[in-house]
């Protein structure tokens, strides 16, 4: 089970959503807005920004973050979508 980091919890608070570990074994987190589940984000088995920071350091994490944002540019800015929440919670 994936445990959200302090940074991810703070990012979720900024978006006025609640995050909890996902019941879906293929996803990391469930996102709840006004008590309603709106998305499952983060694929299990893949690293996110905080994991890269812990394992490889800031420079490498920032490079991975840059590449993630380029790769997901088409959908990450559409508000209240799983891609939006993933970008704002896992990669900020």
Protein backbone atom coordinates (compact mmCIF):
# COMPACT_ATOMS: atom_id res chain seq x y z
CA UNK A 1 0.00 0.00 0.00
CA UNK A 2 1.33 3.45 -0.96
CA UNK A 3 1.55 6.03 1.83
CA UNK A 4 1.25 9.66 0.68
CA UNK A 5 4.13 11.95 1.64
CA UNK A 6 3.81 15.19 3.56
CA UNK A 7 4.42 17.15 0.33
CA UNK A 8 1.61 15.29 -1.45
CA UNK A 9 -0.80 15.90 1.44
CA UNK A 10 0.04 19.62 1.33
CA UNK A 11 -0.47 19.71 -2.44
CA UNK A 12 -3.87 18.05 -2.00
CA UNK A 13 -4.87 20.63 0.63
CA UNK A 14 -4.03 23.44 -1.82
CA UNK A 15 -6.43 21.84 -4.32
CA UNK A 16 -9.06 21.37 -1.58
CA UNK A 17 -9.17 17.60 -2.05
CA UNK A 18 -8.45 14.65 0.22
CA UNK A 19 -6.10 11.85 -0.79
CA UNK A 20 -6.06 8.32 0.58
CA UNK A 21 -4.27 5.12 -0.45
CA UNK A 22 -6.17 3.58 -3.35
CA UNK A 23 -8.17 0.36 -3.08
CA UNK A 24 -7.22 -0.31 -6.70
CA UNK A 25 -3.97 -2.29 -6.53
CA UNK A 26 -2.80 -0.76 -9.82
CA UNK A 27 -3.02 2.82 -8.50
CA UNK A 28 -1.30 4.72 -5.68
CA UNK A 29 -3.86 7.24 -4.44
CA UNK A 30 -7.58 7.98 -4.55
CA UNK A 31 -8.63 11.62 -4.76
CA UNK A 32 -11.83 12.78 -3.05
CA UNK A 33 -13.52 16.11 -3.64
CA UNK A 34 -16.48 17.07 -1.43
CA UNK A 35 -16.55 13.49 -0.14
CA UNK A 36 -16.91 12.00 -3.63
CA UNK A 37 -14.14 9.97 -5.25
CA UNK A 38 -13.09 11.75 -8.43
CA UNK A 39 -9.94 9.89 -9.47
CA UNK A 40 -7.35 7.21 -8.85
CA UNK A 41 -3.88 8.53 -9.62
CA UNK A 42 -0.34 7.24 -9.91
CA UNK A 43 0.46 3.83 -11.31
CA UNK A 44 1.80 1.33 -8.79
CA UNK A 45 5.31 0.25 -9.60
CA UNK A 46 6.26 3.61 -11.10
CA UNK A 47 8.10 6.37 -9.30
CA UNK A 48 6.81 9.88 -8.68
CA UNK A 49 8.60 13.13 -7.83
CA UNK A 50 8.97 12.40 -4.09
CA UNK A 51 10.32 8.93 -4.73
CA UNK A 52 12.89 10.29 -7.19
CA UNK A 53 13.90 12.93 -4.62
CA UNK A 54 14.45 10.31 -1.91
CA UNK A 55 16.30 7.81 -4.08
CA UNK A 56 18.29 9.90 -6.56
CA UNK A 57 18.43 13.51 -5.36
CA UNK A 58 17.00 16.83 -6.46
CA UNK A 59 18.76 17.25 -9.81
CA UNK A 60 17.64 13.88 -11.15
CA UNK A 61 14.13 14.33 -9.70
CA UNK A 62 13.76 17.70 -11.40
CA UNK A 63 14.84 16.20 -14.73
CA UNK A 64 12.24 13.42 -14.40
CA UNK A 65 9.61 16.02 -13.43
CA UNK A 66 10.41 18.09 -16.52
CA UNK A 67 10.12 15.03 -18.77
CA UNK A 68 6.85 13.95 -17.10
CA UNK A 69 5.30 17.37 -17.69
CA UNK A 70 6.35 17.36 -21.35
CA UNK A 71 5.03 13.84 -21.88
CA UNK A 72 1.64 14.61 -20.30
CA UNK A 73 1.20 18.19 -21.51
CA UNK A 74 -1.93 17.44 -23.53
CA UNK A 75 -4.06 16.34 -20.54
CA UNK A 76 -2.42 17.61 -17.35
CA UNK A 77 -3.94 21.09 -17.60
CA UNK A 78 -7.57 19.96 -17.99
CA UNK A 79 -9.03 20.75 -14.57
CA UNK A 80 -10.42 17.98 -12.32
CA UNK A 81 -9.17 15.10 -14.46
CA UNK A 82 -6.95 12.29 -13.16
CA UNK A 83 -4.04 13.75 -15.16
CA UNK A 84 -4.60 17.16 -13.52
CA UNK A 85 -4.60 15.71 -10.00
CA UNK A 86 -1.60 13.52 -10.74
CA UNK A 87 0.36 16.50 -12.05
CA UNK A 88 -0.57 18.74 -9.13
CA UNK A 89 -0.24 16.16 -6.33
CA UNK A 90 2.44 13.67 -7.40
CA UNK A 91 4.64 15.87 -9.57
CA UNK A 92 4.68 19.29 -7.85
